[in-house]
Amino acid sequence: MGFFTYAVTGVGFILIGFWESLSSLNPTRNPNLFSSSSPLSPQIKSTSVSKTKENPLSSSSSFILVSTFSLLILLNSVVSIFDAFSSKDRVGSVLQLQVLSLALLFLLYSALGLFNNKKSSCFWPDSVLELVLLLAFVEEFLLYYLQRKDTSGIENRYFDLLCVPIAICVVSTMLELRSKRSAYPKLVRGIGLILQGTWFVQMGFSFFTSLMVHGCSLHEKSRGNYTIKCKDHPEYHRGRAIATLQFNCHLALLVVLVVGILSFMGKRNGVGVSGDGLQYRPLGAEMQHMDNNVGNFTLDSDDDLDDGIKEEGDSGKERKAILELAVNGNGSHA
């Protein structure tokens, strides 16, 4: 397929993931994301619960972006299928049919989303759109997880590592089906899409440019059927280790960028500032109240308590005797 195909695919995933993350970080759509205790106005609540705001990749422009990206993948798959037929490569044609079905699922998702946005009332429920998106991610995961054209090829390690961001998208979409009003599943899915995009660009450089592992070469039967073979076992081990190291670098860079952006967004929206963020109560009044209550406590022993009980008992007996004498005196006098 070439470096250009992988680069365009990666850029498409990055744009979609970036848009998804921005839509989830928008405080007007998701006011609960950056505020923990501040009251929300009814107007913001109503906008955050609306149908078009809850859809994944909610706006019409994002659905247009997904549909354009799906059409490009569809067109590339059709060209690769004809190239496989001309090269008499049955494996390549079958692989491209799988990619074709995956592109059709994403195209169906974007078409249903556009149809819902153009109608005054949602013709398809939100759960149907999210289910179609979930099926598309599951099919993408199976496509790269089970793709073993050559069991010893270096490209298999790249495909295995690609399954990590795809799995993130699958799990986040499942969580969104469970909790539709939460903004965190959309944010996590956007991060997974960005990681997919950067890794596609990396695969384009590692497969079709001079940045390929030293001692390895590309063997291509058709546009969609290729493998990367190395000279000996040390080159294979080095190639797999380099692929893992590259993925770790992509993941670390993405984590740093996400933490920096979230910190900036949180600071701009007032998280951690008194009045907008968490409310803390001073402990001075409570400590003073406890100090005042300390004087009411006494450390009396059990002997002192027994003496007090005995004294009270003796005084009671004396009072009873005085009363009896008084009664007897009055009775004799009478």
C-alpha atoms as a PDB file:
ATOM      1  CA  MET A   1       0.000   0.000   0.000  1.00  0.00           C
ATOM      2  CA  GLY A   2       2.940   2.298   0.453  1.00  0.00           C
ATOM      3  CA  PHE A   3       3.990   5.009   2.814  1.00  0.00           C
ATOM      4  CA  PHE A   4       1.424   7.491   1.488  1.00  0.00           C
ATOM      5  CA  THR A   5      -1.504   5.204   2.363  1.00  0.00           C
ATOM      6  CA  TYR A   6      -0.269   4.649   5.905  1.00  0.00           C
ATOM      7  CA  ALA A   7       0.450   8.351   6.370  1.00  0.00           C
ATOM      8  CA  VAL A   8      -3.011   9.405   5.197  1.00  0.00           C
ATOM      9  CA  THR A   9      -4.614   6.744   7.409  1.00  0.00           C
ATOM     10  CA  GLY A  10      -2.619   7.917  10.421  1.00  0.00           C
ATOM     11  CA  VAL A  11      -3.427  11.575   9.862  1.00  0.00           C
ATOM     12  CA  GLY A  12      -7.124  10.702   9.530  1.00  0.00           C
ATOM     13  CA  PHE A  13      -7.148   8.847  12.845  1.00  0.00           C
ATOM     14  CA  ILE A  14      -5.274  11.698  14.524  1.00  0.00           C
ATOM     15  CA  LEU A  15      -7.761  14.298  13.285  1.00  0.00           C
ATOM     16  CA  ILE A  16     -10.781  12.242  14.350  1.00  0.00           C
ATOM     17  CA  GLY A  17      -9.262  11.505  17.752  1.00  0.00           C
ATOM     18  CA  PHE A  18      -8.317  15.133  18.270  1.00  0.00           C
ATOM     19  CA  TRP A  19     -11.863  16.238  17.437  1.00  0.00           C
ATOM     20  CA  GLU A  20     -13.303  13.587  19.742  1.00  0.00           C
ATOM     21  CA  SER A  21     -11.101  14.727  22.611  1.00  0.00           C
ATOM     22  CA  LEU A  22     -11.944  18.393  22.086  1.00  0.00           C
ATOM     23  CA  SER A  23     -15.669  17.676  22.019  1.00  0.00           C
ATOM     24  CA  SER A  24     -15.396  15.795  25.317  1.00  0.00           C
ATOM     25  CA  LEU A  25     -13.301  18.553  26.939  1.00  0.00           C
ATOM     26  CA  ASN A  26     -15.727  21.316  25.951  1.00  0.00           C
ATOM     27  CA  PRO A  27     -17.122  22.641  29.285  1.00  0.00           C
ATOM     28  CA  THR A  28     -20.381  23.799  27.681  1.00  0.00           C
ATOM     29  CA  ARG A  29     -21.130  20.269  26.501  1.00  0.00           C
ATOM     30  CA  ASN A  30     -19.706  18.512  29.548  1.00  0.00           C
ATOM     31  CA  PRO A  31     -19.884  20.912  32.514  1.00  0.00           C
ATOM     32  CA  ASN A  32     -19.267  18.174  35.074  1.00  0.00           C
ATOM     33  CA  LEU A  33     -15.804  17.368  33.686  1.00  0.00           C
ATOM     34  CA  PHE A  34     -13.982  20.302  35.285  1.00  0.00           C
ATOM     35  CA  SER A  35     -16.306  21.176  38.157  1.00  0.00           C
ATOM     36  CA  SER A  36     -16.828  18.993  41.190  1.00  0.00           C
ATOM     37  CA  SER A  37     -18.961  21.064  43.545  1.00  0.00           C
ATOM     38  CA  SER A  38     -20.142  24.163  41.738  1.00  0.00           C
ATOM     39  CA  PRO A  39     -23.888  24.275  40.957  1.00  0.00           C
ATOM     40  CA  LEU A  40     -24.899  24.054  37.327  1.00  0.00           C
ATOM     41  CA  SER A  41     -27.409  26.267  35.674  1.00  0.00           C
ATOM     42  CA  PRO A  42     -30.441  24.577  34.068  1.00  0.00           C
ATOM     43  CA  GLN A  43     -29.431  25.879  30.657  1.00  0.00           C
ATOM     44  CA  ILE A  44     -26.028  24.167  30.728  1.00  0.00           C
ATOM     45  CA  LYS A  45     -27.602  20.979  32.024  1.00  0.00           C
ATOM     46  CA  SER A  46     -30.130  20.942  29.200  1.00  0.00           C
ATOM     47  CA  THR A  47     -27.462  21.408  26.544  1.00  0.00           C
ATOM     48  CA  SER A  48     -25.284  18.684  28.004  1.00  0.00           C
ATOM     49  CA  VAL A  49     -28.105  16.153  27.956  1.00  0.00           C
ATOM     50  CA  SER A  50     -29.361  16.879  24.454  1.00  0.00           C
ATOM     51  CA  LYS A  51     -29.334  14.136  21.868  1.00  0.00           C
ATOM     52  CA  THR A  52     -26.895  15.682  19.444  1.00  0.00           C
ATOM     53  CA  LYS A  53     -24.449  16.471  22.242  1.00  0.00           C
ATOM     54  CA  GLU A  54     -24.458  12.933  23.558  1.00  0.00           C
ATOM     55  CA  ASN A  55     -23.708  11.225  20.246  1.00  0.00           C
ATOM     56  CA  PRO A  56     -20.084  10.147  19.768  1.00  0.00           C
ATOM     57  CA  LEU A  57     -18.389  12.546  17.360  1.00  0.00           C
ATOM     58  CA  SER A  58     -21.530  14.582  17.834  1.00  0.00           C
ATOM     59  CA  SER A  59     -21.383  17.457  15.346  1.00  0.00           C
ATOM     60  CA  SER A  60     -22.119  17.156  11.646  1.00  0.00           C
ATOM     61  CA  SER A  61     -18.592  18.215  10.738  1.00  0.00           C
ATOM     62  CA  SER A  62     -17.127  15.286  12.668  1.00  0.00           C
ATOM     63  CA  PHE A  63     -19.480  12.850  10.929  1.00  0.00           C
ATOM     64  CA  ILE A  64     -18.443  14.327   7.584  1.00  0.00           C
ATOM     65  CA  LEU A  65     -14.804  13.808   8.582  1.00  0.00           C
ATOM     66  CA  VAL A  66     -15.452  10.168   9.460  1.00  0.00           C
ATOM     67  CA  SER A  67     -17.378   9.558   6.235  1.00  0.00           C
ATOM     68  CA  THR A  68     -14.610  11.132   4.125  1.00  0.00           C
ATOM     69  CA  PHE A  69     -11.996   9.046   5.903  1.00  0.00           C
ATOM     70  CA  SER A  70     -14.073   5.882   5.389  1.00  0.00           C
ATOM     71  CA  LEU A  71     -14.530   6.625   1.695  1.00  0.00           C
ATOM     72  CA  LEU A  72     -10.771   7.033   1.255  1.00  0.00           C
ATOM     73  CA  ILE A  73     -10.147   3.661   2.910  1.00  0.00           C
ATOM     74  CA  LEU A  74     -12.902   2.144   0.764  1.00  0.00           C
ATOM     75  CA  LEU A  75     -11.341   3.512  -2.411  1.00  0.00           C
ATOM     76  CA  ASN A  76      -7.899   2.263  -1.444  1.00  0.00           C
ATOM     77  CA  SER A  77      -9.301  -1.200  -0.706  1.00  0.00           C
ATOM     78  CA  VAL A  78     -10.987  -1.390  -4.108  1.00  0.00           C
ATOM     79  CA  VAL A  79      -7.734  -0.434  -5.854  1.00  0.00           C
ATOM     80  CA  SER A  80      -5.833  -3.012  -3.797  1.00  0.00           C
ATOM     81  CA  ILE A  81      -8.372  -5.721  -4.687  1.00  0.00           C
ATOM     82  CA  PHE A  82      -7.932  -5.079  -8.424  1.00  0.00           C
ATOM     83  CA  ASP A  83      -4.170  -5.069  -7.960  1.00  0.00           C
ATOM     84  CA  ALA A  84      -4.379  -8.407  -6.137  1.00  0.00           C
ATOM     85  CA  PHE A  85      -6.481  -9.880  -8.959  1.00  0.00           C
ATOM     86  CA  SER A  86      -3.982  -8.683 -11.547  1.00  0.00           C
ATOM     87  CA  SER A  87      -1.116 -10.160  -9.509  1.00  0.00           C
ATOM     88  CA  LYS A  88      -3.071 -13.397  -8.943  1.00  0.00           C
ATOM     89  CA  ASP A  89      -2.736 -12.926  -5.190  1.00  0.00           C
ATOM     90  CA  ARG A  90      -5.703 -14.568  -3.510  1.00  0.00           C
ATOM     91  CA  VAL A  91      -4.512 -13.774  -0.007  1.00  0.00           C
ATOM     92  CA  GLY A  92      -4.218 -10.078  -0.795  1.00  0.00           C
ATOM     93  CA  SER A  93      -7.734  -9.907  -2.218  1.00  0.00           C
ATOM     94  CA  VAL A  94      -9.205 -11.639   0.841  1.00  0.00           C
ATOM     95  CA  LEU A  95      -7.381  -9.275   3.204  1.00  0.00           C
ATOM     96  CA  GLN A  96      -8.661  -6.244   1.336  1.00  0.00           C
ATOM     97  CA  LEU A  97     -12.217  -7.572   1.478  1.00  0.00           C
ATOM     98  CA  GLN A  98     -11.912  -7.494   5.278  1.00  0.00           C
ATOM     99  CA  VAL A  99     -10.686  -3.896   5.161  1.00  0.00           C
ATOM    100  CA  LEU A 100     -13.548  -3.098   2.795  1.00  0.00           C
ATOM    101  CA  SER A 101     -16.156  -4.400   5.251  1.00  0.00           C
ATOM    102  CA  LEU A 102     -14.505  -2.418   8.059  1.00  0.00           C
ATOM    103  CA  ALA A 103     -14.665   0.792   6.020  1.00  0.00           C
ATOM    104  CA  LEU A 104     -18.329   0.127   5.262  1.00  0.00           C
ATOM    105  CA  LEU A 105     -19.118  -0.133   8.978  1.00  0.00           C
ATOM    106  CA  PHE A 106     -17.494   3.232   9.715  1.00  0.00           C
ATOM    107  CA  LEU A 107     -19.289   4.706   6.716  1.00  0.00           C
ATOM    108  CA  LEU A 108     -22.615   3.363   8.007  1.00  0.00           C
ATOM    109  CA  TYR A 109     -21.955   4.907  11.406  1.00  0.00           C
ATOM    110  CA  SER A 110     -21.212   8.333   9.930  1.00  0.00           C
ATOM    111  CA  ALA A 111     -24.211   8.149   7.574  1.00  0.00           C
ATOM    112  CA  LEU A 112     -26.593   7.345  10.441  1.00  0.00           C
ATOM    113  CA  GLY A 113     -25.134  10.188  12.496  1.00  0.00           C
ATOM    114  CA  LEU A 114     -25.568  12.677   9.673  1.00  0.00           C
ATOM    115  CA  PHE A 115     -29.126  11.503   9.118  1.00  0.00           C
ATOM    116  CA  ASN A 116     -29.942  12.026  12.796  1.00  0.00           C
ATOM    117  CA  ASN A 117     -28.454  15.517  12.839  1.00  0.00           C
ATOM    118  CA  LYS A 118     -30.455  16.619   9.814  1.00  0.00           C
ATOM    119  CA  LYS A 119     -33.772  15.388  11.204  1.00  0.00           C
ATOM    120  CA  SER A 120     -35.635  17.271  13.897  1.00  0.00           C
ATOM    121  CA  SER A 121     -36.247  14.045  15.824  1.00  0.00           C
ATOM    122  CA  CYS A 122     -33.653  11.280  16.149  1.00  0.00           C
ATOM    123  CA  PHE A 123     -34.643   8.485  13.805  1.00  0.00           C
ATOM    124  CA  TRP A 124     -31.989   6.130  15.200  1.00  0.00           C
ATOM    125  CA  PRO A 125     -31.424   5.917  18.973  1.00  0.00           C
ATOM    126  CA  ASP A 126     -28.010   6.830  20.332  1.00  0.00           C
ATOM    127  CA  SER A 127     -27.461   3.242  21.447  1.00  0.00           C
ATOM    128  CA  VAL A 128     -27.761   2.033  17.827  1.00  0.00           C
ATOM    129  CA  LEU A 129     -25.036   4.438  16.667  1.00  0.00           C
ATOM    130  CA  GLU A 130     -22.758   3.448  19.525  1.00  0.00           C
ATOM    131  CA  LEU A 131     -23.386  -0.239  18.819  1.00  0.00           C
ATOM    132  CA  VAL A 132     -22.391   0.194  15.170  1.00  0.00           C
ATOM    133  CA  LEU A 133     -19.249   2.014  16.269  1.00  0.00           C
ATOM    134  CA  LEU A 134     -18.474  -0.765  18.759  1.00  0.00           C
ATOM    135  CA  LEU A 135     -18.854  -3.435  16.073  1.00  0.00           C
ATOM    136  CA  ALA A 136     -16.502  -1.481  13.806  1.00  0.00           C
ATOM    137  CA  PHE A 137     -13.804  -1.311  16.486  1.00  0.00           C
ATOM    138  CA  VAL A 138     -14.234  -5.010  17.318  1.00  0.00           C
ATOM    139  CA  GLU A 139     -13.853  -5.933  13.646  1.00  0.00           C
ATOM    140  CA  GLU A 140     -10.757  -3.735  13.388  1.00  0.00           C
ATOM    141  CA  PHE A 141      -9.285  -5.455  16.447  1.00  0.00           C
ATOM    142  CA  LEU A 142      -9.908  -8.915  14.994  1.00  0.00           C
ATOM    143  CA  LEU A 143      -8.505  -7.841  11.623  1.00  0.00           C
ATOM    144  CA  TYR A 144      -5.092  -6.925  13.016  1.00  0.00           C
ATOM    145  CA  TYR A 145      -5.024  -9.503  15.812  1.00  0.00           C
ATOM    146  CA  LEU A 146      -5.656 -12.464  13.498  1.00  0.00           C
ATOM    147  CA  GLN A 147      -3.666 -11.155  10.517  1.00  0.00           C
ATOM    148  CA  ARG A 148      -0.749 -13.557  10.117  1.00  0.00           C
ATOM    149  CA  LYS A 149       0.336 -13.610   6.481  1.00  0.00           C
ATOM    150  CA  ASP A 150       3.820 -14.643   7.544  1.00  0.00           C
ATOM    151  CA  THR A 151       4.303 -15.873  11.104  1.00  0.00           C
ATOM    152  CA  SER A 152       7.930 -14.709  11.209  1.00  0.00           C
ATOM    153  CA  GLY A 153       7.385 -11.259   9.699  1.00  0.00           C
ATOM    154  CA  ILE A 154       8.335  -8.160  11.679  1.00  0.00           C
ATOM    155  CA  GLU A 155       5.035  -6.518  10.703  1.00  0.00           C
ATOM    156  CA  ASN A 156       3.203  -8.899  13.049  1.00  0.00           C
ATOM    157  CA  ARG A 157       4.732  -7.196  16.086  1.00  0.00           C
ATOM    158  CA  TYR A 158       3.554  -3.808  14.783  1.00  0.00           C
ATOM    159  CA  PHE A 159       0.048  -5.194  14.248  1.00  0.00           C
ATOM    160  CA  ASP A 160      -0.005  -6.717  17.743  1.00  0.00           C
ATOM    161  CA  LEU A 161       0.943  -3.365  19.259  1.00  0.00           C
ATOM    162  CA  LEU A 162      -1.733  -1.668  17.149  1.00  0.00           C
ATOM    163  CA  CYS A 163      -4.306  -3.814  18.941  1.00  0.00           C
ATOM    164  CA  VAL A 164      -3.602  -1.888  22.177  1.00  0.00           C
ATOM    165  CA  PRO A 165      -5.174   1.450  21.100  1.00  0.00           C
ATOM    166  CA  ILE A 166      -7.935  -0.436  19.278  1.00  0.00           C
ATOM    167  CA  ALA A 167      -8.743  -2.269  22.518  1.00  0.00           C
ATOM    168  CA  ILE A 168      -8.844   1.107  24.301  1.00  0.00           C
ATOM    169  CA  CYS A 169     -11.432   2.295  21.783  1.00  0.00           C
ATOM    170  CA  VAL A 170     -13.473  -0.894  22.246  1.00  0.00           C
ATOM    171  CA  VAL A 171     -13.536  -0.613  26.051  1.00  0.00           C
ATOM    172  CA  SER A 172     -14.311   3.122  26.038  1.00  0.00           C
ATOM    173  CA  THR A 173     -17.198   2.615  23.589  1.00  0.00           C
ATOM    174  CA  MET A 174     -18.605  -0.137  25.808  1.00  0.00           C
ATOM    175  CA  LEU A 175     -18.376   2.206  28.803  1.00  0.00           C
ATOM    176  CA  GLU A 176     -20.171   4.902  26.824  1.00  0.00           C
ATOM    177  CA  LEU A 177     -23.011   2.481  26.145  1.00  0.00           C
ATOM    178  CA  ARG A 178     -23.310   2.005  29.905  1.00  0.00           C
ATOM    179  CA  SER A 179     -22.965   5.655  30.988  1.00  0.00           C
ATOM    180  CA  LYS A 180     -24.006   7.967  28.169  1.00  0.00           C
ATOM    181  CA  ARG A 181     -23.744  11.258  30.059  1.00  0.00           C
ATOM    182  CA  SER A 182     -20.141  10.769  31.114  1.00  0.00           C
ATOM    183  CA  ALA A 183     -17.486  12.611  29.128  1.00  0.00           C
ATOM    184  CA  TYR A 184     -14.595  10.355  30.116  1.00  0.00           C
ATOM    185  CA  PRO A 185     -15.324   7.470  27.673  1.00  0.00           C
ATOM    186  CA  LYS A 186     -15.252   9.927  24.758  1.00  0.00           C
ATOM    187  CA  LEU A 187     -12.001  11.401  26.000  1.00  0.00           C
ATOM    188  CA  VAL A 188     -10.398   7.967  26.345  1.00  0.00           C
ATOM    189  CA  ARG A 189     -11.630   6.936  22.890  1.00  0.00           C
ATOM    190  CA  GLY A 190     -10.171  10.113  21.404  1.00  0.00           C
ATOM    191  CA  ILE A 191      -6.809   9.316  23.006  1.00  0.00           C
ATOM    192  CA  GLY A 192      -6.979   5.782  21.604  1.00  0.00           C
ATOM    193  CA  LEU A 193      -7.717   7.120  18.113  1.00  0.00           C
ATOM    194  CA  ILE A 194      -4.769   9.517  18.311  1.00  0.00           C
ATOM    195  CA  LEU A 195      -2.477   6.666  19.356  1.00  0.00           C
ATOM    196  CA  GLN A 196      -3.763   4.611  16.418  1.00  0.00           C
ATOM    197  CA  GLY A 197      -2.961   7.472  14.064  1.00  0.00           C
ATOM    198  CA  THR A 198       0.581   8.030  15.312  1.00  0.00           C
ATOM    199  CA  TRP A 199       1.275   4.298  15.172  1.00  0.00           C
ATOM    200  CA  PHE A 200       0.000   4.066  11.575  1.00  0.00           C
ATOM    201  CA  VAL A 201       2.412   6.831  10.611  1.00  0.00           C
ATOM    202  CA  GLN A 202       5.202   4.989  12.413  1.00  0.00           C
ATOM    203  CA  MET A 203       4.374   1.774  10.545  1.00  0.00           C
ATOM    204  CA  GLY A 204       4.547   3.685   7.263  1.00  0.00           C
ATOM    205  CA  PHE A 205       8.060   4.857   8.115  1.00  0.00           C
ATOM    206  CA  SER A 206       9.144   1.427   9.407  1.00  0.00           C
ATOM    207  CA  PHE A 207       7.766  -0.544   6.429  1.00  0.00           C
ATOM    208  CA  PHE A 208       8.362   1.609   3.350  1.00  0.00           C
ATOM    209  CA  THR A 209      11.271   3.978   4.060  1.00  0.00           C
ATOM    210  CA  SER A 210      14.950   3.764   4.872  1.00  0.00           C
ATOM    211  CA  LEU A 211      14.058   3.769   8.579  1.00  0.00           C
ATOM    212  CA  MET A 212      13.394   0.024   8.332  1.00  0.00           C
ATOM    213  CA  VAL A 213      15.382  -2.185  10.706  1.00  0.00           C
ATOM    214  CA  HIS A 214      18.881  -2.871   9.447  1.00  0.00           C
ATOM    215  CA  GLY A 215      19.143  -6.330   7.940  1.00  0.00           C
ATOM    216  CA  CYS A 216      15.461  -6.558   6.977  1.00  0.00           C
ATOM    217  CA  SER A 217      13.701  -5.995   3.658  1.00  0.00           C
ATOM    218  CA  LEU A 218      10.162  -5.658   2.317  1.00  0.00           C
ATOM    219  CA  HIS A 219       8.711  -8.514   0.232  1.00  0.00           C
ATOM    220  CA  GLU A 220       5.532  -7.406  -1.542  1.00  0.00           C
ATOM    221  CA  LYS A 221       3.213  -9.686  -3.523  1.00  0.00           C
ATOM    222  CA  SER A 222       0.544  -7.006  -4.064  1.00  0.00           C
ATOM    223  CA  ARG A 223      -0.495  -3.659  -2.574  1.00  0.00           C
ATOM    224  CA  GLY A 224      -2.248  -5.325   0.340  1.00  0.00           C
ATOM    225  CA  ASN A 225      -0.109  -8.430   0.829  1.00  0.00           C
ATOM    226  CA  TYR A 226       3.457  -7.894   1.986  1.00  0.00           C
ATOM    227  CA  THR A 227       5.852  -9.062   4.680  1.00  0.00           C
ATOM    228  CA  ILE A 228       9.146  -7.893   6.182  1.00  0.00           C
ATOM    229  CA  LYS A 229      11.802 -10.576   6.333  1.00  0.00           C
ATOM    230  CA  CYS A 230      15.200 -10.392   7.970  1.00  0.00           C
ATOM    231  CA  LYS A 231      18.478 -12.208   7.384  1.00  0.00           C
ATOM    232  CA  ASP A 232      18.767 -14.157  10.609  1.00  0.00           C
ATOM    233  CA  HIS A 233      17.337 -14.573  14.107  1.00  0.00           C
ATOM    234  CA  PRO A 234      19.302 -11.649  15.644  1.00  0.00           C
ATOM    235  CA  GLU A 235      17.775  -9.274  13.095  1.00  0.00           C
ATOM    236  CA  TYR A 236      14.291 -10.605  13.872  1.00  0.00           C
ATOM    237  CA  HIS A 237      14.777 -10.118  17.617  1.00  0.00           C
ATOM    238  CA  ARG A 238      16.223  -6.656  17.106  1.00  0.00           C
ATOM    239  CA  GLY A 239      13.349  -5.671  14.818  1.00  0.00           C
ATOM    240  CA  ARG A 240      10.724  -6.786  17.349  1.00  0.00           C
ATOM    241  CA  ALA A 241      12.547  -5.040  20.177  1.00  0.00           C
ATOM    242  CA  ILE A 242      12.768  -1.816  18.168  1.00  0.00           C
ATOM    243  CA  ALA A 243       9.036  -1.998  17.420  1.00  0.00           C
ATOM    244  CA  THR A 244       8.243  -2.338  21.146  1.00  0.00           C
ATOM    245  CA  LEU A 245      10.573   0.554  21.974  1.00  0.00           C
ATOM    246  CA  GLN A 246       8.951   2.747  19.327  1.00  0.00           C
ATOM    247  CA  PHE A 247       5.487   2.018  20.691  1.00  0.00           C
ATOM    248  CA  ASN A 248       6.608   2.850  24.229  1.00  0.00           C
ATOM    249  CA  CYS A 249       7.952   6.185  22.973  1.00  0.00           C
ATOM    250  CA  HIS A 250       4.649   6.951  21.223  1.00  0.00           C
ATOM    251  CA  LEU A 251       2.702   6.045  24.352  1.00  0.00           C
ATOM    252  CA  ALA A 252       4.933   8.125  26.640  1.00  0.00           C
ATOM    253  CA  LEU A 253       4.745  11.148  24.332  1.00  0.00           C
ATOM    254  CA  LEU A 254       0.951  10.866  24.166  1.00  0.00           C
ATOM    255  CA  VAL A 255       0.670  10.630  27.963  1.00  0.00           C
ATOM    256  CA  VAL A 256       2.801  13.757  28.400  1.00  0.00           C
ATOM    257  CA  LEU A 257       0.711  15.672  25.860  1.00  0.00           C
ATOM    258  CA  VAL A 258      -2.600  14.557  27.379  1.00  0.00           C
ATOM    259  CA  VAL A 259      -1.526  15.448  30.926  1.00  0.00           C
ATOM    260  CA  GLY A 260      -0.282  18.852  29.765  1.00  0.00           C
ATOM    261  CA  ILE A 261      -3.479  19.628  27.851  1.00  0.00           C
ATOM    262  CA  LEU A 262      -5.698  18.480  30.714  1.00  0.00           C
ATOM    263  CA  SER A 263      -3.706  20.581  33.180  1.00  0.00           C
ATOM    264  CA  PHE A 264      -4.047  23.619  30.944  1.00  0.00           C
ATOM    265  CA  MET A 265      -7.775  23.052  30.446  1.00  0.00           C
ATOM    266  CA  GLY A 266      -8.288  22.497  34.163  1.00  0.00           C
ATOM    267  CA  LYS A 267      -6.432  25.679  35.067  1.00  0.00           C
ATOM    268  CA  ARG A 268      -8.349  27.682  32.488  1.00  0.00           C
ATOM    269  CA  ASN A 269     -11.685  26.371  33.779  1.00  0.00           C
ATOM    270  CA  GLY A 270     -10.827  27.053  37.423  1.00  0.00           C
ATOM    271  CA  VAL A 271     -10.159  23.597  38.815  1.00  0.00           C
ATOM    272  CA  GLY A 272      -8.409  23.863  42.170  1.00  0.00           C
ATOM    273  CA  VAL A 273      -9.357  27.546  42.671  1.00  0.00           C
ATOM    274  CA  SER A 274     -11.547  28.379  45.636  1.00  0.00           C
ATOM    275  CA  GLY A 275     -15.105  29.046  44.568  1.00  0.00           C
ATOM    276  CA  ASP A 276     -14.933  27.001  41.393  1.00  0.00           C
ATOM    277  CA  GLY A 277     -13.088  23.861  42.420  1.00  0.00           C
ATOM    278  CA  LEU A 278     -13.045  21.851  45.600  1.00  0.00           C
ATOM    279  CA  GLN A 279     -14.267  23.609  48.720  1.00  0.00           C
ATOM    280  CA  TYR A 280     -12.107  23.258  51.851  1.00  0.00           C
ATOM    281  CA  ARG A 281     -13.217  24.250  55.368  1.00  0.00           C
ATOM    282  CA  PRO A 282     -10.699  25.729  57.827  1.00  0.00           C
ATOM    283  CA  LEU A 283      -9.952  23.615  60.862  1.00  0.00           C
ATOM    284  CA  GLY A 284      -9.447  26.526  63.294  1.00  0.00           C
ATOM    285  CA  ALA A 285     -13.023  26.635  64.597  1.00  0.00           C
ATOM    286  CA  GLU A 286     -13.210  22.871  64.980  1.00  0.00           C
ATOM    287  CA  MET A 287      -9.898  22.720  66.836  1.00  0.00           C
ATOM    288  CA  GLN A 288     -10.993  25.517  69.170  1.00  0.00           C
ATOM    289  CA  HIS A 289     -14.247  23.674  69.892  1.00  0.00           C
ATOM    290  CA  MET A 290     -12.296  20.564  70.745  1.00  0.00           C
ATOM    291  CA  ASP A 291      -9.987  22.566  73.050  1.00  0.00           C
ATOM    292  CA  ASN A 292     -13.004  23.904  74.933  1.00  0.00           C
ATOM    293  CA  ASN A 293     -14.390  20.420  75.379  1.00  0.00           C
ATOM    294  CA  VAL A 294     -11.118  19.125  76.812  1.00  0.00           C
ATOM    295  CA  GLY A 295     -11.770  20.909  80.154  1.00  0.00           C
ATOM    296  CA  ASN A 296     -15.009  19.004  80.685  1.00  0.00           C
ATOM    297  CA  PHE A 297     -13.229  15.668  80.880  1.00  0.00           C
ATOM    298  CA  THR A 298     -12.013  14.374  84.311  1.00  0.00           C
ATOM    299  CA  LEU A 299      -9.733  11.492  85.059  1.00  0.00           C
ATOM    300  CA  ASP A 300     -11.462   9.954  88.107  1.00  0.00           C
ATOM    301  CA  SER A 301     -10.416   6.557  89.334  1.00  0.00           C
ATOM    302  CA  ASP A 302     -12.762   3.765  90.314  1.00  0.00           C
ATOM    303  CA  ASP A 303     -11.996   4.299  94.037  1.00  0.00           C
ATOM    304  CA  ASP A 304     -13.076   7.935  93.835  1.00  0.00           C
ATOM    305  CA  LEU A 305     -16.296   6.891  92.177  1.00  0.00           C
ATOM    306  CA  ASP A 306     -16.943   4.292  94.900  1.00  0.00           C
ATOM    307  CA  ASP A 307     -16.283   6.884  97.632  1.00  0.00           C
ATOM    308  CA  GLY A 308     -18.705   9.279  95.988  1.00  0.00           C
ATOM    309  CA  ILE A 309     -21.384   6.601  95.841  1.00  0.00           C
ATOM    310  CA  LYS A 310     -20.801   5.733  99.540  1.00  0.00           C
ATOM    311  CA  GLU A 311     -21.001   9.404 100.595  1.00  0.00           C
ATOM    312  CA  GLU A 312     -24.247   9.832  98.697  1.00  0.00           C
ATOM    313  CA  GLY A 313     -25.612   6.700 100.350  1.00  0.00           C
ATOM    314  CA  ASP A 314     -24.650   7.922 103.864  1.00  0.00           C
ATOM    315  CA  SER A 315     -26.191  11.351 103.317  1.00  0.00           C
ATOM    316  CA  GLY A 316     -29.384   9.681 102.106  1.00  0.00           C
ATOM    317  CA  LYS A 317     -29.571   7.561 105.218  1.00  0.00           C
ATOM    318  CA  GLU A 318     -29.085  10.621 107.486  1.00  0.00           C
ATOM    319  CA  ARG A 319     -31.876  12.507 105.700  1.00  0.00           C
ATOM    320  CA  LYS A 320     -34.193   9.510 106.102  1.00  0.00           C
ATOM    321  CA  ALA A 321     -33.465   9.287 109.856  1.00  0.00           C
ATOM    322  CA  ILE A 322     -34.161  12.995 110.373  1.00  0.00           C
ATOM    323  CA  LEU A 323     -37.492  12.650 108.623  1.00  0.00           C
ATOM    324  CA  GLU A 324     -38.489   9.689 110.797  1.00  0.00           C
ATOM    325  CA  LEU A 325     -37.570  11.563 113.993  1.00  0.00           C
ATOM    326  CA  ALA A 326     -39.575  14.559 112.893  1.00  0.00           C
ATOM    327  CA  VAL A 327     -42.610  12.404 112.201  1.00  0.00           C
ATOM    328  CA  ASN A 328     -42.328  10.578 115.490  1.00  0.00           C
ATOM    329  CA  GLY A 329     -41.929  13.839 117.439  1.00  0.00           C
ATOM    330  CA  ASN A 330     -45.006  15.324 115.861  1.00  0.00           C
ATOM    331  CA  GLY A 331     -46.987  12.182 116.563  1.00  0.00           C
ATOM    332  CA  SER A 332     -46.065  12.081 120.300  1.00  0.00           C
ATOM    333  CA  HIS A 333     -46.817  15.752 120.680  1.00  0.00           C
ATOM    334  CA  ALA A 334     -50.221  15.172 119.305  1.00  0.00           C
END
